[in-house]
Amino acid sequence: MTAAFRMLHGFGHYHETYVRLDGRWRIRTIRPSRLHIEAS
């Protein structure tokens, strides 16, 4: 099976929440937000 495109390039950012466990910060949740995607 071959992909319909050879390269995928996108722009965006992550929305993260953190929690402190045992004196260290850990990521609790992470959600990507895609602003623009180009496939070629």
PDB file of N, CA and C in Angstrom:
ATOM      1  N   MET A   1       0.848  -1.190   0.000  1.00  0.00           N
ATOM      2  CA  MET A   1       0.000   0.000   0.000  1.00  0.00           C
ATOM      3  C   MET A   1       0.887   1.244   0.000  1.00  0.00           C
ATOM      4  N   THR A   2       0.596   2.205  -0.837  1.00  0.00           N
ATOM      5  CA  THR A   2       1.369   3.443  -0.904  1.00  0.00           C
ATOM      6  C   THR A   2       0.516   4.613  -0.424  1.00  0.00           C
ATOM      7  N   ALA A   3       1.192   5.615   0.111  1.00  0.00           N
ATOM      8  CA  ALA A   3       0.493   6.807   0.597  1.00  0.00           C
ATOM      9  C   ALA A   3       0.081   7.686  -0.572  1.00  0.00           C
ATOM     10  N   ALA A   4      -0.966   8.458  -0.369  1.00  0.00           N
ATOM     11  CA  ALA A   4      -1.447   9.373  -1.401  1.00  0.00           C
ATOM     12  C   ALA A   4      -0.533  10.592  -1.538  1.00  0.00           C
ATOM     13  N   PHE A   5       0.314  10.821  -0.545  1.00  0.00           N
ATOM     14  CA  PHE A   5       1.252  11.941  -0.577  1.00  0.00           C
ATOM     15  C   PHE A   5       2.594  11.476  -0.025  1.00  0.00           C
ATOM     16  N   ARG A   6       3.650  12.185  -0.377  1.00  0.00           N
ATOM     17  CA  ARG A   6       4.986  11.809   0.073  1.00  0.00           C
ATOM     18  C   ARG A   6       5.473  12.645   1.244  1.00  0.00           C
ATOM     19  N   MET A   7       4.946  13.852   1.366  1.00  0.00           N
ATOM     20  CA  MET A   7       5.404  14.726   2.437  1.00  0.00           C
ATOM     21  C   MET A   7       4.206  15.444   3.050  1.00  0.00           C
ATOM     22  N   LEU A   8       4.228  15.563   4.374  1.00  0.00           N
ATOM     23  CA  LEU A   8       3.186  16.287   5.096  1.00  0.00           C
ATOM     24  C   LEU A   8       3.885  17.322   5.966  1.00  0.00           C
ATOM     25  N   HIS A   9       3.514  18.594   5.795  1.00  0.00           N
ATOM     26  CA  HIS A   9       4.133  19.692   6.534  1.00  0.00           C
ATOM     27  C   HIS A   9       3.013  20.529   7.119  1.00  0.00           C
ATOM     28  N   GLY A  10       3.081  20.797   8.408  1.00  0.00           N
ATOM     29  CA  GLY A  10       2.010  21.549   9.036  1.00  0.00           C
ATOM     30  C   GLY A  10       2.512  22.565  10.038  1.00  0.00           C
ATOM     31  N   PHE A  11       1.628  23.453  10.409  1.00  0.00           N
ATOM     32  CA  PHE A  11       1.908  24.498  11.382  1.00  0.00           C
ATOM     33  C   PHE A  11       0.836  24.457  12.452  1.00  0.00           C
ATOM     34  N   GLY A  12       1.221  24.702  13.682  1.00  0.00           N
ATOM     35  CA  GLY A  12       0.247  24.722  14.768  1.00  0.00           C
ATOM     36  C   GLY A  12       0.957  24.875  16.099  1.00  0.00           C
ATOM     37  N   HIS A  13       0.253  24.514  17.154  1.00  0.00           N
ATOM     38  CA  HIS A  13       0.822  24.579  18.491  1.00  0.00           C
ATOM     39  C   HIS A  13       0.078  23.599  19.386  1.00  0.00           C
ATOM     40  N   TYR A  14       0.584  23.426  20.606  1.00  0.00           N
ATOM     41  CA  TYR A  14      -0.008  22.511  21.575  1.00  0.00           C
ATOM     42  C   TYR A  14      -0.626  23.288  22.729  1.00  0.00           C
ATOM     43  N   HIS A  15      -1.717  22.766  23.252  1.00  0.00           N
ATOM     44  CA  HIS A  15      -2.322  23.267  24.486  1.00  0.00           C
ATOM     45  C   HIS A  15      -2.045  22.205  25.543  1.00  0.00           C
ATOM     46  N   GLU A  16      -1.321  22.572  26.593  1.00  0.00           N
ATOM     47  CA  GLU A  16      -0.906  21.608  27.602  1.00  0.00           C
ATOM     48  C   GLU A  16      -1.388  22.029  28.982  1.00  0.00           C
ATOM     49  N   THR A  17      -1.655  21.030  29.822  1.00  0.00           N
ATOM     50  CA  THR A  17      -1.890  21.265  31.244  1.00  0.00           C
ATOM     51  C   THR A  17      -0.872  20.424  32.003  1.00  0.00           C
ATOM     52  N   TYR A  18      -0.471  20.924  33.157  1.00  0.00           N
ATOM     53  CA  TYR A  18       0.572  20.273  33.949  1.00  0.00           C
ATOM     54  C   TYR A  18       0.071  19.970  35.349  1.00  0.00           C
ATOM     55  N   VAL A  19       0.721  18.992  35.982  1.00  0.00           N
ATOM     56  CA  VAL A  19       0.448  18.650  37.375  1.00  0.00           C
ATOM     57  C   VAL A  19       1.792  18.391  38.052  1.00  0.00           C
ATOM     58  N   ARG A  20       1.899  18.758  39.315  1.00  0.00           N
ATOM     59  CA  ARG A  20       3.150  18.544  40.051  1.00  0.00           C
ATOM     60  C   ARG A  20       3.010  17.262  40.879  1.00  0.00           C
ATOM     61  N   LEU A  21       3.849  16.271  40.588  1.00  0.00           N
ATOM     62  CA  LEU A  21       3.848  14.993  41.294  1.00  0.00           C
ATOM     63  C   LEU A  21       5.234  14.726  41.858  1.00  0.00           C
ATOM     64  N   ASP A  22       5.298  14.445  43.130  1.00  0.00           N
ATOM     65  CA  ASP A  22       6.573  14.139  43.799  1.00  0.00           C
ATOM     66  C   ASP A  22       7.621  15.212  43.548  1.00  0.00           C
ATOM     67  N   GLY A  23       7.201  16.477  43.533  1.00  0.00           N
ATOM     68  CA  GLY A  23       8.122  17.585  43.365  1.00  0.00           C
ATOM     69  C   GLY A  23       8.564  17.848  41.931  1.00  0.00           C
ATOM     70  N   ARG A  24       8.010  17.119  40.960  1.00  0.00           N
ATOM     71  CA  ARG A  24       8.379  17.312  39.549  1.00  0.00           C
ATOM     72  C   ARG A  24       7.138  17.627  38.737  1.00  0.00           C
ATOM     73  N   TRP A  25       7.284  18.513  37.760  1.00  0.00           N
ATOM     74  CA  TRP A  25       6.185  18.871  36.879  1.00  0.00           C
ATOM     75  C   TRP A  25       6.033  17.820  35.787  1.00  0.00           C
ATOM     76  N   ARG A  26       4.811  17.389  35.573  1.00  0.00           N
ATOM     77  CA  ARG A  26       4.497  16.397  34.540  1.00  0.00           C
ATOM     78  C   ARG A  26       3.371  16.934  33.663  1.00  0.00           C
ATOM     79  N   ILE A  27       3.391  16.560  32.389  1.00  0.00           N
ATOM     80  CA  ILE A  27       2.296  16.941  31.495  1.00  0.00           C
ATOM     81  C   ILE A  27       1.085  16.078  31.822  1.00  0.00           C
ATOM     82  N   ARG A  28      -0.039  16.716  32.097  1.00  0.00           N
ATOM     83  CA  ARG A  28      -1.278  15.983  32.376  1.00  0.00           C
ATOM     84  C   ARG A  28      -2.041  15.733  31.081  1.00  0.00           C
ATOM     85  N   THR A  29      -2.230  16.782  30.278  1.00  0.00           N
ATOM     86  CA  THR A  29      -2.914  16.631  28.991  1.00  0.00           C
ATOM     87  C   THR A  29      -2.158  17.426  27.932  1.00  0.00           C
ATOM     88  N   ILE A  30      -2.297  16.982  26.693  1.00  0.00           N
ATOM     89  CA  ILE A  30      -1.693  17.691  25.572  1.00  0.00           C
ATOM     90  C   ILE A  30      -2.655  17.579  24.388  1.00  0.00           C
ATOM     91  N   ARG A  31      -2.934  18.721  23.760  1.00  0.00           N
ATOM     92  CA  ARG A  31      -3.871  18.748  22.634  1.00  0.00           C
ATOM     93  C   ARG A  31      -3.280  19.599  21.519  1.00  0.00           C
ATOM     94  N   PRO A  32      -3.023  19.002  20.350  1.00  0.00           N
ATOM     95  CA  PRO A  32      -2.469  19.781  19.240  1.00  0.00           C
ATOM     96  C   PRO A  32      -3.552  20.593  18.534  1.00  0.00           C
ATOM     97  N   SER A  33      -3.200  21.774  18.098  1.00  0.00           N
ATOM     98  CA  SER A  33      -4.078  22.608  17.272  1.00  0.00           C
ATOM     99  C   SER A  33      -3.379  22.826  15.942  1.00  0.00           C
ATOM    100  N   ARG A  34      -3.974  22.346  14.884  1.00  0.00           N
ATOM    101  CA  ARG A  34      -3.379  22.505  13.560  1.00  0.00           C
ATOM    102  C   ARG A  34      -3.935  23.764  12.907  1.00  0.00           C
ATOM    103  N   LEU A  35      -3.042  24.627  12.468  1.00  0.00           N
ATOM    104  CA  LEU A  35      -3.451  25.869  11.827  1.00  0.00           C
ATOM    105  C   LEU A  35      -3.432  25.751  10.311  1.00  0.00           C
ATOM    106  N   HIS A  36      -2.481  24.960   9.808  1.00  0.00           N
ATOM    107  CA  HIS A  36      -2.349  24.834   8.359  1.00  0.00           C
ATOM    108  C   HIS A  36      -1.595  23.532   8.077  1.00  0.00           C
ATOM    109  N   ILE A  37      -2.055  22.754   7.085  1.00  0.00           N
ATOM    110  CA  ILE A  37      -1.385  21.525   6.684  1.00  0.00           C
ATOM    111  C   ILE A  37      -1.239  21.510   5.171  1.00  0.00           C
ATOM    112  N   GLU A  38      -0.037  21.184   4.706  1.00  0.00           N
ATOM    113  CA  GLU A  38       0.233  21.042   3.269  1.00  0.00           C
ATOM    114  C   GLU A  38       0.689  19.617   2.997  1.00  0.00           C
ATOM    115  N   ALA A  39       0.107  18.983   2.018  1.00  0.00           N
ATOM    116  CA  ALA A  39       0.511  17.646   1.604  1.00  0.00           C
ATOM    117  C   ALA A  39       0.991  17.707   0.159  1.00  0.00           C
ATOM    118  N   SER A  40       2.093  17.013  -0.097  1.00  0.00           N
ATOM    119  CA  SER A  40       2.588  16.967  -1.474  1.00  0.00           C
ATOM    120  C   SER A  40       3.079  15.579  -1.792  1.00  0.00           C
TER     121      SER A  40
END
